[in-house]
Amino acid sequence: MKVSKRPWNAFADADRAVRTVKAIYIETGTIPEPFKDSYMETLPKGKPRVVERFYALLAQECPEALKYFIGGETYGDINPDKEQSKKPE
């Protein structure tokens, strides 16, 4: 799946990205790894306010897909009822 790796510089870029992510997620119930990886390469290169808009709009429009774009852990890995391990002081 080919995704432009040019930096996102306009709100329209974030809006288009969210529409695309939402459509893919609604159709498949997931986000393909190559697609996600491409976005994760592109996001750090974008203007901070545009990237912020991507995350805010994605959280509003398709919060279920947000977990694919959060670094490190996915929502499925976070369980607020489970005691988190603490580092010794």
Protein backbone atom coordinates (compact mmCIF):
# COMPACT_ATOMS: atom_id res chain seq x y z
CA MET A 1 0.00 0.00 0.00
CA LYS A 2 1.62 3.23 -1.18
CA VAL A 3 1.27 6.27 1.06
CA SER A 4 2.94 9.59 0.35
CA LYS A 5 5.78 10.19 2.78
CA ARG A 6 5.79 13.95 2.27
CA PRO A 7 5.32 15.90 5.48
CA TRP A 8 1.84 16.96 6.41
CA ASN A 9 1.82 20.75 6.34
CA ALA A 10 -1.87 21.64 6.12
CA PHE A 11 -4.94 20.73 8.12
CA ALA A 12 -6.36 19.27 4.91
CA ASP A 13 -3.59 16.63 5.06
CA ALA A 14 -4.68 15.57 8.55
CA ASP A 15 -8.34 15.63 7.56
CA ARG A 16 -7.68 13.45 4.51
CA ALA A 17 -5.59 11.04 6.58
CA VAL A 18 -8.34 10.63 9.18
CA ARG A 19 -10.96 10.02 6.49
CA THR A 20 -8.69 7.35 4.98
CA VAL A 21 -7.95 5.66 8.32
CA LYS A 22 -11.62 5.69 9.26
CA ALA A 23 -12.70 4.19 5.93
CA ILE A 24 -10.13 1.41 6.17
CA TYR A 25 -11.01 0.66 9.78
CA ILE A 26 -14.76 0.58 9.12
CA GLU A 27 -14.27 -1.69 6.12
CA THR A 28 -11.75 -4.12 7.65
CA GLY A 29 -11.90 -3.70 11.43
CA THR A 30 -8.16 -3.15 11.51
CA ILE A 31 -5.34 -1.01 10.13
CA PRO A 32 -2.85 -2.90 7.93
CA GLU A 33 0.68 -2.88 9.35
CA PRO A 34 2.36 -1.40 6.22
CA PHE A 35 -0.21 1.42 6.15
CA LYS A 36 0.27 2.16 9.84
CA ASP A 37 4.07 2.04 9.48
CA SER A 38 3.97 4.50 6.61
CA TYR A 39 1.87 6.95 8.62
CA MET A 40 4.15 6.52 11.62
CA GLU A 41 7.08 7.49 9.39
CA THR A 42 5.24 10.54 8.07
CA LEU A 43 3.78 11.91 11.31
CA PRO A 44 7.06 13.05 12.91
CA LYS A 45 7.87 15.06 9.78
CA GLY A 46 4.62 17.03 9.79
CA LYS A 47 3.93 20.41 11.34
CA PRO A 48 3.14 19.91 15.03
CA ARG A 49 -0.32 21.53 14.83
CA VAL A 50 -1.22 19.36 11.83
CA VAL A 51 -0.10 16.19 13.62
CA GLU A 52 -2.02 17.30 16.70
CA ARG A 53 -5.10 17.76 14.52
CA PHE A 54 -4.67 14.24 13.10
CA TYR A 55 -4.70 12.69 16.58
CA ALA A 56 -7.54 14.88 17.87
CA LEU A 57 -9.71 14.29 14.81
CA LEU A 58 -8.97 10.56 14.78
CA ALA A 59 -9.93 10.35 18.47
CA GLN A 60 -13.20 12.09 17.62
CA GLU A 61 -14.03 10.35 14.32
CA CYS A 62 -12.73 6.82 14.88
CA PRO A 63 -11.37 6.31 18.40
CA GLU A 64 -11.15 2.55 17.86
CA ALA A 65 -8.38 3.10 15.29
CA LEU A 66 -6.38 5.46 17.50
CA LYS A 67 -4.67 2.54 19.23
CA TYR A 68 -2.77 1.75 16.03
CA PHE A 69 -1.07 5.16 16.07
CA ILE A 70 -0.12 5.47 19.73
CA GLY A 71 3.53 4.57 20.27
CA GLY A 72 4.56 1.65 22.43
CA GLU A 73 1.34 0.35 23.88
CA THR A 74 -2.06 -0.11 22.34
CA TYR A 75 -5.26 0.44 24.24
CA GLY A 76 -5.57 -3.32 24.42
CA ASP A 77 -2.34 -3.42 26.42
CA ILE A 78 -3.54 -0.87 28.95
CA ASN A 79 -5.78 -2.16 31.69
CA PRO A 80 -6.58 0.43 34.37
CA ASP A 81 -7.86 -2.30 36.70
CA LYS A 82 -4.59 -4.22 36.53
CA GLU A 83 -1.88 -3.14 38.97
CA GLN A 84 1.02 -1.62 37.07
CA SER A 85 4.51 -2.73 38.06
CA LYS A 86 6.40 -0.07 39.99
CA LYS A 87 10.11 0.55 39.91
CA PRO A 88 11.82 0.26 43.29
CA GLU A 89 12.86 3.57 44.77
